[in-house]
C-alpha atoms as a PDB file:
ATOM      1  CA  UNK A   1     102.824 140.560 156.796  1.00  0.00           C
ATOM      2  CA  UNK A   2     100.677 139.593 153.805  1.00  0.00           C
ATOM      3  CA  UNK A   3     100.128 135.882 153.160  1.00  0.00           C
ATOM      4  CA  UNK A   4     102.089 134.365 150.301  1.00  0.00           C
ATOM      5  CA  UNK A   5     100.770 131.849 147.802  1.00  0.00           C
ATOM      6  CA  UNK A   6     102.627 129.247 145.805  1.00  0.00           C
ATOM      7  CA  UNK A   7     102.461 129.471 142.041  1.00  0.00           C
ATOM      8  CA  UNK A   8     100.651 126.425 140.562  1.00  0.00           C
ATOM      9  CA  UNK A   9     102.962 123.899 138.945  1.00  0.00           C
ATOM     10  CA  UNK A  10     103.264 123.955 135.168  1.00  0.00           C
ATOM     11  CA  UNK A  11     100.744 121.349 133.924  1.00  0.00           C
ATOM     12  CA  UNK A  12     103.174 120.212 131.239  1.00  0.00           C
ATOM     13  CA  UNK A  13     105.999 119.764 133.738  1.00  0.00           C
ATOM     14  CA  UNK A  14     103.956 117.687 136.158  1.00  0.00           C
ATOM     15  CA  UNK A  15     104.267 113.918 136.229  1.00  0.00           C
ATOM     16  CA  UNK A  16     101.226 111.682 135.791  1.00  0.00           C
ATOM     17  CA  UNK A  17     101.480 110.755 139.457  1.00  0.00           C
ATOM     18  CA  UNK A  18     101.463 114.412 140.500  1.00  0.00           C
ATOM     19  CA  UNK A  19      98.392 115.103 138.387  1.00  0.00           C
ATOM     20  CA  UNK A  20      96.584 112.046 139.723  1.00  0.00           C
ATOM     21  CA  UNK A  21      97.312 113.166 143.308  1.00  0.00           C
ATOM     22  CA  UNK A  22      95.830 116.684 143.032  1.00  0.00           C
ATOM     23  CA  UNK A  23      92.307 115.829 144.204  1.00  0.00           C
ATOM     24  CA  UNK A  24      93.142 112.912 146.552  1.00  0.00           C
ATOM     25  CA  UNK A  25      95.744 115.053 148.355  1.00  0.00           C
ATOM     26  CA  UNK A  26      93.219 117.857 148.838  1.00  0.00           C
ATOM     27  CA  UNK A  27      90.592 115.453 150.126  1.00  0.00           C
ATOM     28  CA  UNK A  28      93.088 113.846 152.488  1.00  0.00           C
ATOM     29  CA  UNK A  29      94.165 117.261 153.816  1.00  0.00           C
ATOM     30  CA  UNK A  30      90.502 118.179 154.403  1.00  0.00           C
ATOM     31  CA  UNK A  31      89.895 114.882 156.222  1.00  0.00           C
ATOM     32  CA  UNK A  32      92.993 115.385 158.382  1.00  0.00           C
ATOM     33  CA  UNK A  33      91.965 118.954 159.296  1.00  0.00           C
ATOM     34  CA  UNK A  34      88.429 117.827 160.100  1.00  0.00           C
ATOM     35  CA  UNK A  35      89.778 115.049 162.305  1.00  0.00           C
ATOM     36  CA  UNK A  36      92.101 117.436 164.159  1.00  0.00           C
ATOM     37  CA  UNK A  37      89.185 119.789 164.813  1.00  0.00           C
ATOM     38  CA  UNK A  38      86.968 116.944 166.001  1.00  0.00           C
ATOM     39  CA  UNK A  39      89.672 115.772 168.425  1.00  0.00           C
ATOM     40  CA  UNK A  40      90.052 119.290 169.816  1.00  0.00           C
ATOM     41  CA  UNK A  41      86.308 119.788 170.163  1.00  0.00           C
ATOM     42  CA  UNK A  42      86.020 116.431 171.927  1.00  0.00           C
ATOM     43  CA  UNK A  43      88.531 117.637 174.555  1.00  0.00           C
ATOM     44  CA  UNK A  44      88.434 121.460 174.634  1.00  0.00           C
ATOM     45  CA  UNK A  45      90.755 121.512 177.650  1.00  0.00           C
ATOM     46  CA  UNK A  46      93.555 120.179 175.463  1.00  0.00           C
ATOM     47  CA  UNK A  47      93.744 123.359 173.352  1.00  0.00           C
ATOM     48  CA  UNK A  48      93.594 127.086 173.840  1.00  0.00           C
ATOM     49  CA  UNK A  49      90.698 129.104 172.470  1.00  0.00           C
ATOM     50  CA  UNK A  50      93.032 130.585 169.911  1.00  0.00           C
ATOM     51  CA  UNK A  51      94.161 127.133 168.779  1.00  0.00           C
ATOM     52  CA  UNK A  52      90.571 125.929 168.549  1.00  0.00           C
ATOM     53  CA  UNK A  53      89.723 128.912 166.381  1.00  0.00           C
ATOM     54  CA  UNK A  54      92.791 128.176 164.278  1.00  0.00           C
ATOM     55  CA  UNK A  55      91.763 124.528 163.814  1.00  0.00           C
ATOM     56  CA  UNK A  56      88.233 125.527 162.805  1.00  0.00           C
ATOM     57  CA  UNK A  57      89.603 127.966 160.269  1.00  0.00           C
ATOM     58  CA  UNK A  58      92.042 125.364 158.947  1.00  0.00           C
ATOM     59  CA  UNK A  59      89.282 122.739 158.562  1.00  0.00           C
ATOM     60  CA  UNK A  60      87.034 125.214 156.758  1.00  0.00           C
ATOM     61  CA  UNK A  61      89.864 126.293 154.509  1.00  0.00           C
ATOM     62  CA  UNK A  62      90.877 122.716 153.716  1.00  0.00           C
ATOM     63  CA  UNK A  63      87.282 121.890 152.822  1.00  0.00           C
ATOM     64  CA  UNK A  64      87.175 124.832 150.412  1.00  0.00           C
ATOM     65  CA  UNK A  65      90.363 123.595 148.771  1.00  0.00           C
ATOM     66  CA  UNK A  66      88.725 120.337 147.612  1.00  0.00           C
ATOM     67  CA  UNK A  67      86.528 121.885 144.876  1.00  0.00           C
ATOM     68  CA  UNK A  68      89.453 124.155 144.029  1.00  0.00           C
ATOM     69  CA  UNK A  69      91.602 121.055 143.551  1.00  0.00           C
ATOM     70  CA  UNK A  70      88.917 119.499 141.371  1.00  0.00           C
ATOM     71  CA  UNK A  71      88.891 122.603 139.185  1.00  0.00           C
ATOM     72  CA  UNK A  72      92.684 122.597 139.096  1.00  0.00           C
ATOM     73  CA  UNK A  73      92.710 118.928 138.057  1.00  0.00           C
ATOM     74  CA  UNK A  74      90.283 119.655 135.215  1.00  0.00           C
ATOM     75  CA  UNK A  75      92.382 122.613 134.072  1.00  0.00           C
ATOM     76  CA  UNK A  76      95.579 120.560 134.143  1.00  0.00           C
ATOM     77  CA  UNK A  77      93.962 117.749 132.182  1.00  0.00           C
ATOM     78  CA  UNK A  78      92.672 120.202 129.575  1.00  0.00           C
ATOM     79  CA  UNK A  79      96.074 121.894 129.262  1.00  0.00           C
ATOM     80  CA  UNK A  80      97.817 118.527 128.859  1.00  0.00           C
ATOM     81  CA  UNK A  81      95.297 117.331 126.254  1.00  0.00           C
ATOM     82  CA  UNK A  82      95.648 120.525 124.253  1.00  0.00           C
ATOM     83  CA  UNK A  83      99.438 120.334 124.422  1.00  0.00           C
ATOM     84  CA  UNK A  84      99.358 116.693 123.343  1.00  0.00           C
ATOM     85  CA  UNK A  85      97.017 117.540 120.471  1.00  0.00           C
ATOM     86  CA  UNK A  86      99.273 120.393 119.363  1.00  0.00           C
ATOM     87  CA  UNK A  87     102.351 118.146 119.521  1.00  0.00           C
ATOM     88  CA  UNK A  88     100.633 115.443 117.488  1.00  0.00           C
ATOM     89  CA  UNK A  89      99.502 117.950 114.861  1.00  0.00           C
ATOM     90  CA  UNK A  90     103.024 119.318 114.647  1.00  0.00           C
ATOM     91  CA  UNK A  91     104.336 115.776 114.172  1.00  0.00           C
ATOM     92  CA  UNK A  92     101.726 115.127 111.479  1.00  0.00           C
ATOM     93  CA  UNK A  93     102.832 118.232 109.585  1.00  0.00           C
ATOM     94  CA  UNK A  94     106.531 117.457 109.972  1.00  0.00           C
ATOM     95  CA  UNK A  95     106.614 113.685 109.478  1.00  0.00           C
ATOM     96  CA  UNK A  96     103.374 112.831 107.667  1.00  0.00           C
ATOM     97  CA  UNK A  97     104.299 114.057 104.176  1.00  0.00           C
ATOM     98  CA  UNK A  98     107.635 112.245 104.316  1.00  0.00           C
ATOM     99  CA  UNK A  99     106.094 108.971 105.449  1.00  0.00           C
ATOM    100  CA  UNK A 100     103.209 109.202 102.961  1.00  0.00           C
ATOM    101  CA  UNK A 101     105.253 110.080  99.894  1.00  0.00           C
ATOM    102  CA  UNK A 102     105.593 106.667  98.241  1.00  0.00           C
ATOM    103  CA  UNK A 103     104.166 107.432  94.803  1.00  0.00           C
ATOM    104  CA  UNK A 104     107.356 106.512  92.975  1.00  0.00           C
ATOM    105  CA  UNK A 105     107.640 103.237  94.888  1.00  0.00           C
ATOM    106  CA  UNK A 106     104.019 102.289  94.216  1.00  0.00           C
ATOM    107  CA  UNK A 107     104.275 103.124  90.539  1.00  0.00           C
ATOM    108  CA  UNK A 108     107.496 101.148  90.316  1.00  0.00           C
ATOM    109  CA  UNK A 109     105.865  98.067  91.848  1.00  0.00           C
ATOM    110  CA  UNK A 110     102.764  98.493  89.677  1.00  0.00           C
ATOM    111  CA  UNK A 111     104.900  98.726  86.536  1.00  0.00           C
ATOM    112  CA  UNK A 112     106.922  95.677  87.593  1.00  0.00           C
ATOM    113  CA  UNK A 113     103.706  93.744  88.253  1.00  0.00           C
ATOM    114  CA  UNK A 114     102.277  94.768  84.889  1.00  0.00           C
ATOM    115  CA  UNK A 115     105.471  93.786  83.075  1.00  0.00           C
ATOM    116  CA  UNK A 116     105.772  90.454  84.896  1.00  0.00           C
ATOM    117  CA  UNK A 117     102.092  89.607  84.400  1.00  0.00           C
ATOM    118  CA  UNK A 118     102.216  90.379  80.675  1.00  0.00           C
ATOM    119  CA  UNK A 119     105.415  88.380  80.310  1.00  0.00           C
ATOM    120  CA  UNK A 120     103.933  85.379  82.127  1.00  0.00           C
ATOM    121  CA  UNK A 121     100.719  85.480  80.086  1.00  0.00           C
ATOM    122  CA  UNK A 122     102.707  85.752  76.864  1.00  0.00           C
ATOM    123  CA  UNK A 123     104.952  82.826  77.849  1.00  0.00           C
ATOM    124  CA  UNK A 124     102.030  80.654  79.010  1.00  0.00           C
ATOM    125  CA  UNK A 125     100.032  81.387  75.864  1.00  0.00           C
ATOM    126  CA  UNK A 126     103.058  80.624  73.696  1.00  0.00           C
ATOM    127  CA  UNK A 127     103.499  77.335  75.574  1.00  0.00           C
ATOM    128  CA  UNK A 128      99.878  76.406  74.895  1.00  0.00           C
ATOM    129  CA  UNK A 129     100.275  77.199  71.203  1.00  0.00           C
ATOM    130  CA  UNK A 130     103.352  74.963  71.036  1.00  0.00           C
ATOM    131  CA  UNK A 131     101.421  72.144  72.729  1.00  0.00           C
ATOM    132  CA  UNK A 132      98.625  72.533  70.174  1.00  0.00           C
ATOM    133  CA  UNK A 133     101.117  72.607  67.289  1.00  0.00           C
ATOM    134  CA  UNK A 134     102.932  69.439  68.337  1.00  0.00           C
ATOM    135  CA  UNK A 135      99.669  67.696  69.188  1.00  0.00           C
ATOM    136  CA  UNK A 136      98.484  68.502  65.671  1.00  0.00           C
ATOM    137  CA  UNK A 137     101.760  67.252  64.223  1.00  0.00           C
ATOM    138  CA  UNK A 138     101.314  64.057  66.202  1.00  0.00           C
ATOM    139  CA  UNK A 139      97.877  63.585  64.582  1.00  0.00           C
ATOM    140  CA  UNK A 140      95.748  64.063  67.697  1.00  0.00           C
ATOM    141  CA  UNK A 141      92.097  64.664  66.814  1.00  0.00           C
ATOM    142  CA  UNK A 142      90.815  68.239  66.739  1.00  0.00           C
ATOM    143  CA  UNK A 143      89.355  69.276  70.066  1.00  0.00           C
ATOM    144  CA  UNK A 144      91.814  67.161  72.037  1.00  0.00           C
ATOM    145  CA  UNK A 145      94.917  69.135  71.264  1.00  0.00           C
ATOM    146  CA  UNK A 146      95.477  70.502  74.783  1.00  0.00           C
ATOM    147  CA  UNK A 147      98.083  67.835  75.546  1.00  0.00           C
ATOM    148  CA  UNK A 148     100.760  65.908  73.717  1.00  0.00           C
ATOM    149  CA  UNK A 149     102.839  62.961  74.917  1.00  0.00           C
ATOM    150  CA  UNK A 150     106.301  62.466  73.502  1.00  0.00           C
ATOM    151  CA  UNK A 151     108.144  59.583  75.033  1.00  0.00           C
ATOM    152  CA  UNK A 152     107.708  59.516  78.805  1.00  0.00           C
ATOM    153  CA  UNK A 153     106.795  63.211  79.049  1.00  0.00           C
ATOM    154  CA  UNK A 154     103.359  64.786  78.581  1.00  0.00           C
ATOM    155  CA  UNK A 155     102.969  68.500  77.921  1.00  0.00           C
ATOM    156  CA  UNK A 156      99.617  70.149  78.611  1.00  0.00           C
ATOM    157  CA  UNK A 157      97.963  73.508  78.166  1.00  0.00           C
ATOM    158  CA  UNK A 158      98.533  75.792  81.125  1.00  0.00           C
ATOM    159  CA  UNK A 159      95.390  77.299  82.652  1.00  0.00           C
ATOM    160  CA  UNK A 160      96.748  80.831  82.623  1.00  0.00           C
ATOM    161  CA  UNK A 161      93.688  82.478  84.156  1.00  0.00           C
ATOM    162  CA  UNK A 162      93.513  80.018  87.038  1.00  0.00           C
ATOM    163  CA  UNK A 163      97.236  80.311  87.725  1.00  0.00           C
ATOM    164  CA  UNK A 164      97.058  84.105  87.829  1.00  0.00           C
ATOM    165  CA  UNK A 165      93.857  84.062  89.928  1.00  0.00           C
ATOM    166  CA  UNK A 166      95.461  81.633  92.376  1.00  0.00           C
ATOM    167  CA  UNK A 167      98.567  83.777  92.663  1.00  0.00           C
ATOM    168  CA  UNK A 168      96.449  86.891  93.276  1.00  0.00           C
ATOM    169  CA  UNK A 169      94.361  85.086  95.903  1.00  0.00           C
ATOM    170  CA  UNK A 170      97.430  83.829  97.777  1.00  0.00           C
ATOM    171  CA  UNK A 171      99.097  87.242  97.681  1.00  0.00           C
ATOM    172  CA  UNK A 172      96.051  89.206  98.831  1.00  0.00           C
ATOM    173  CA  UNK A 173      94.082  86.976 101.209  1.00  0.00           C
ATOM    174  CA  UNK A 174      95.961  88.320 104.249  1.00  0.00           C
ATOM    175  CA  UNK A 175      94.689  91.879 103.718  1.00  0.00           C
ATOM    176  CA  UNK A 176      91.462  93.398 105.113  1.00  0.00           C
ATOM    177  CA  UNK A 177      88.237  93.018 103.160  1.00  0.00           C
ATOM    178  CA  UNK A 178      87.979  96.700 102.216  1.00  0.00           C
ATOM    179  CA  UNK A 179      91.373  96.459 100.477  1.00  0.00           C
ATOM    180  CA  UNK A 180      90.140  93.559  98.340  1.00  0.00           C
ATOM    181  CA  UNK A 181      86.792  94.954  97.227  1.00  0.00           C
ATOM    182  CA  UNK A 182      85.840  94.927  93.560  1.00  0.00           C
ATOM    183  CA  UNK A 183      82.482  96.638  93.677  1.00  0.00           C
ATOM    184  CA  UNK A 184      80.595  94.941  96.502  1.00  0.00           C
ATOM    185  CA  UNK A 185      82.563  91.682  96.504  1.00  0.00           C
ATOM    186  CA  UNK A 186      86.189  90.914  97.362  1.00  0.00           C
ATOM    187  CA  UNK A 187      88.235  89.978  94.313  1.00  0.00           C
ATOM    188  CA  UNK A 188      89.175  86.794  96.166  1.00  0.00           C
ATOM    189  CA  UNK A 189      85.564  85.845  96.949  1.00  0.00           C
ATOM    190  CA  UNK A 190      85.717  82.672  94.854  1.00  0.00           C
ATOM    191  CA  UNK A 191      88.709  81.382  96.777  1.00  0.00           C
ATOM    192  CA  UNK A 192      91.963  79.908  95.530  1.00  0.00           C
ATOM    193  CA  UNK A 193      91.374  78.099  92.183  1.00  0.00           C
ATOM    194  CA  UNK A 194      94.028  75.608  93.229  1.00  0.00           C
ATOM    195  CA  UNK A 195      93.099  75.522  96.907  1.00  0.00           C
ATOM    196  CA  UNK A 196      91.901  72.500  98.886  1.00  0.00           C
ATOM    197  CA  UNK A 197      88.211  73.444  98.570  1.00  0.00           C
ATOM    198  CA  UNK A 198      88.267  73.759  94.778  1.00  0.00           C
ATOM    199  CA  UNK A 199      88.652  71.326  91.882  1.00  0.00           C
ATOM    200  CA  UNK A 200      92.370  70.787  91.589  1.00  0.00           C
ATOM    201  CA  UNK A 201      94.806  70.216  88.761  1.00  0.00           C
ATOM    202  CA  UNK A 202      93.772  67.592  86.254  1.00  0.00           C
ATOM    203  CA  UNK A 203      95.236  64.592  88.041  1.00  0.00           C
ATOM    204  CA  UNK A 204      94.411  65.841  91.544  1.00  0.00           C
ATOM    205  CA  UNK A 205      90.639  66.080  91.998  1.00  0.00           C
ATOM    206  CA  UNK A 206      90.508  66.673  95.758  1.00  0.00           C
ATOM    207  CA  UNK A 207      93.712  68.201  97.123  1.00  0.00           C
ATOM    208  CA  UNK A 208      94.030  68.460 100.896  1.00  0.00           C
ATOM    209  CA  UNK A 209      96.359  71.468 100.756  1.00  0.00           C
ATOM    210  CA  UNK A 210      96.789  74.273  98.202  1.00  0.00           C
ATOM    211  CA  UNK A 211      98.606  72.958  95.149  1.00  0.00           C
ATOM    212  CA  UNK A 212     102.117  74.234  94.477  1.00  0.00           C
ATOM    213  CA  UNK A 213     101.893  76.462  91.388  1.00  0.00           C
ATOM    214  CA  UNK A 214     105.522  75.775  90.532  1.00  0.00           C
ATOM    215  CA  UNK A 215     104.851  72.048  90.543  1.00  0.00           C
ATOM    216  CA  UNK A 216     101.825  72.547  88.289  1.00  0.00           C
ATOM    217  CA  UNK A 217     103.917  74.374  85.725  1.00  0.00           C
ATOM    218  CA  UNK A 218     106.795  71.888  85.983  1.00  0.00           C
ATOM    219  CA  UNK A 219     104.343  69.054  85.339  1.00  0.00           C
ATOM    220  CA  UNK A 220     102.743  70.582  82.263  1.00  0.00           C
ATOM    221  CA  UNK A 221     105.560  72.605  80.750  1.00  0.00           C
END
């Protein structure tokens, strides 16, 4: 009766533990067969000649199965890597375009930012012009018309560029350097204009924490 062989397990159906055991199991089987043969050879009277021949054949066969198991392990690993690569590529093709398609969202945010920035600059500039107008009406000397006191309240020019730069710095400082680059330098390289390491708002020369931009505007406007 011809010998039968077992079909190798499907590499993709095997568990990680089964794959990891391929070579160790073969080595253990070879060690067990070698030990059985050594025991028989140490006490030949304990076995028949036929059994001794059988044990020698089994030990030799088990030893040959070790490199076969190593080849099998390599083949399984390759098959699993290729299958994983194919699955990932399929996922990229199926899900990537959907996840990456945010043009409309980005343009919407960019347009909103542009509109809000222009509106703020227009409002801040208009505020400064009103301060200058009322300072002039109050008879303040030319060159000192960036503030006007009426009663208990003082209105001052807003430093529009510093306010915008501070807002940009605070919004972007959490992102990686390559996202912030403007040429070779990050756009936030000078730091927060109203941060603790910079000259602060007029009446606060050495702030210990970043100044509140809302408070700055409330104070001057």
